[in-house]
C-alpha atoms as a PDB file:
ATOM      1  CA  MET A   1      41.910  82.870 122.858  1.00  0.00           C
ATOM      2  CA  GLN A   2      42.631  81.255 119.500  1.00  0.00           C
ATOM      3  CA  ASN A   3      43.702  84.571 118.041  1.00  0.00           C
ATOM      4  CA  SER A   4      46.504  85.033 120.607  1.00  0.00           C
ATOM      5  CA  GLY A   5      48.050  81.692 119.604  1.00  0.00           C
ATOM      6  CA  MET A   6      48.111  82.709 115.978  1.00  0.00           C
ATOM      7  CA  GLY A   7      49.596  86.074 116.920  1.00  0.00           C
ATOM      8  CA  MET A   8      52.407  84.349 118.771  1.00  0.00           C
ATOM      9  CA  GLY A   9      53.172  82.219 115.715  1.00  0.00           C
ATOM     10  CA  ILE A  10      53.326  85.306 113.520  1.00  0.00           C
ATOM     11  CA  PHE A  11      55.550  87.028 116.073  1.00  0.00           C
ATOM     12  CA  LEU A  12      57.951  84.061 116.236  1.00  0.00           C
ATOM     13  CA  THR A  13      58.069  83.848 112.441  1.00  0.00           C
ATOM     14  CA  GLY A  14      58.926  87.546 112.245  1.00  0.00           C
ATOM     15  CA  ALA A  15      61.541  87.214 114.976  1.00  0.00           C
ATOM     16  CA  MET A  16      63.205  84.315 113.181  1.00  0.00           C
ATOM     17  CA  ALA A  17      63.182  86.223 109.880  1.00  0.00           C
ATOM     18  CA  GLY A  18      64.808  89.180 111.644  1.00  0.00           C
ATOM     19  CA  MET A  19      67.527  86.983 113.148  1.00  0.00           C
ATOM     20  CA  VAL A  20      68.284  85.400 109.778  1.00  0.00           C
ATOM     21  CA  ALA A  21      68.448  88.811 108.093  1.00  0.00           C
ATOM     22  CA  GLY A  22      70.708  90.135 110.862  1.00  0.00           C
ATOM     23  CA  ALA A  23      73.055  87.163 110.595  1.00  0.00           C
ATOM     24  CA  ALA A  24      73.275  87.546 106.815  1.00  0.00           C
ATOM     25  CA  LEU A  25      73.985  91.268 107.101  1.00  0.00           C
ATOM     26  CA  GLY A  26      76.597  90.684 109.811  1.00  0.00           C
ATOM     27  CA  ALA A  27      78.355  88.040 107.740  1.00  0.00           C
ATOM     28  CA  SER A  28      78.469  90.284 104.687  1.00  0.00           C
ATOM     29  CA  MET A  29      79.966  93.161 106.683  1.00  0.00           C
ATOM     30  CA  ALA A  30      82.594  91.109 108.523  1.00  0.00           C
ATOM     31  CA  PRO A  31      86.179  92.034 107.620  1.00  0.00           C
ATOM     32  CA  SER A  32      88.184  89.572 105.551  1.00  0.00           C
ATOM     33  CA  SER A  33      90.987  87.599 107.147  1.00  0.00           C
ATOM     34  CA  ARG A  34      93.465  89.651 105.091  1.00  0.00           C
ATOM     35  CA  GLN A  35      92.153  92.886 106.616  1.00  0.00           C
ATOM     36  CA  ILE A  36      92.331  91.383 110.108  1.00  0.00           C
ATOM     37  CA  LYS A  37      95.928  90.224 109.596  1.00  0.00           C
ATOM     38  CA  ARG A  38      96.911  93.655 108.277  1.00  0.00           C
ATOM     39  CA  THR A  39      95.366  95.384 111.284  1.00  0.00           C
ATOM     40  CA  VAL A  40      97.069  92.980 113.695  1.00  0.00           C
ATOM     41  CA  ASN A  41     100.441  93.530 112.024  1.00  0.00           C
ATOM     42  CA  LYS A  42     100.040  97.320 112.194  1.00  0.00           C
ATOM     43  CA  ALA A  43      99.134  97.110 115.876  1.00  0.00           C
ATOM     44  CA  ALA A  44     102.113  94.849 116.598  1.00  0.00           C
ATOM     45  CA  LYS A  45     104.454  97.314 114.882  1.00  0.00           C
ATOM     46  CA  LYS A  46     103.065 100.181 116.944  1.00  0.00           C
ATOM     47  CA  VAL A  47     103.495  98.208 120.166  1.00  0.00           C
ATOM     48  CA  ASN A  48     107.074  97.315 119.239  1.00  0.00           C
ATOM     49  CA  GLN A  49     107.818 100.964 118.455  1.00  0.00           C
ATOM     50  CA  ALA A  50     106.327 102.059 121.775  1.00  0.00           C
ATOM     51  CA  VAL A  51     108.447  99.485 123.632  1.00  0.00           C
ATOM     52  CA  ASP A  52     111.566 100.659 121.788  1.00  0.00           C
ATOM     53  CA  ASN A  53     110.760 104.287 122.639  1.00  0.00           C
ATOM     54  CA  LEU A  54     110.235 103.409 126.291  1.00  0.00           C
ATOM     55  CA  ALA A  55     113.473 101.437 126.421  1.00  0.00           C
ATOM     56  CA  SER A  56     115.350 104.362 124.859  1.00  0.00           C
ATOM     57  CA  ALA A  57     113.822 106.780 127.342  1.00  0.00           C
ATOM     58  CA  ILE A  58     114.789 104.587 130.299  1.00  0.00           C
ATOM     59  CA  GLU A  59     118.393 104.272 129.089  1.00  0.00           C
ATOM     60  CA  MET A  60     118.838 108.052 129.010  1.00  0.00           C
END
């Protein structure tokens, strides 16, 4: 019985270490705010172009 309690402590320690490592890796791979702004601007331009194309097609 005592061994299972120790095993649970080891498991929880490993789980916490895994979560910390995952959070650190996720933070290091996150895009910068500059990259996000650039992507948003490109998407907005494409949407505006699509709206313009649709408006031109409807006018014809």
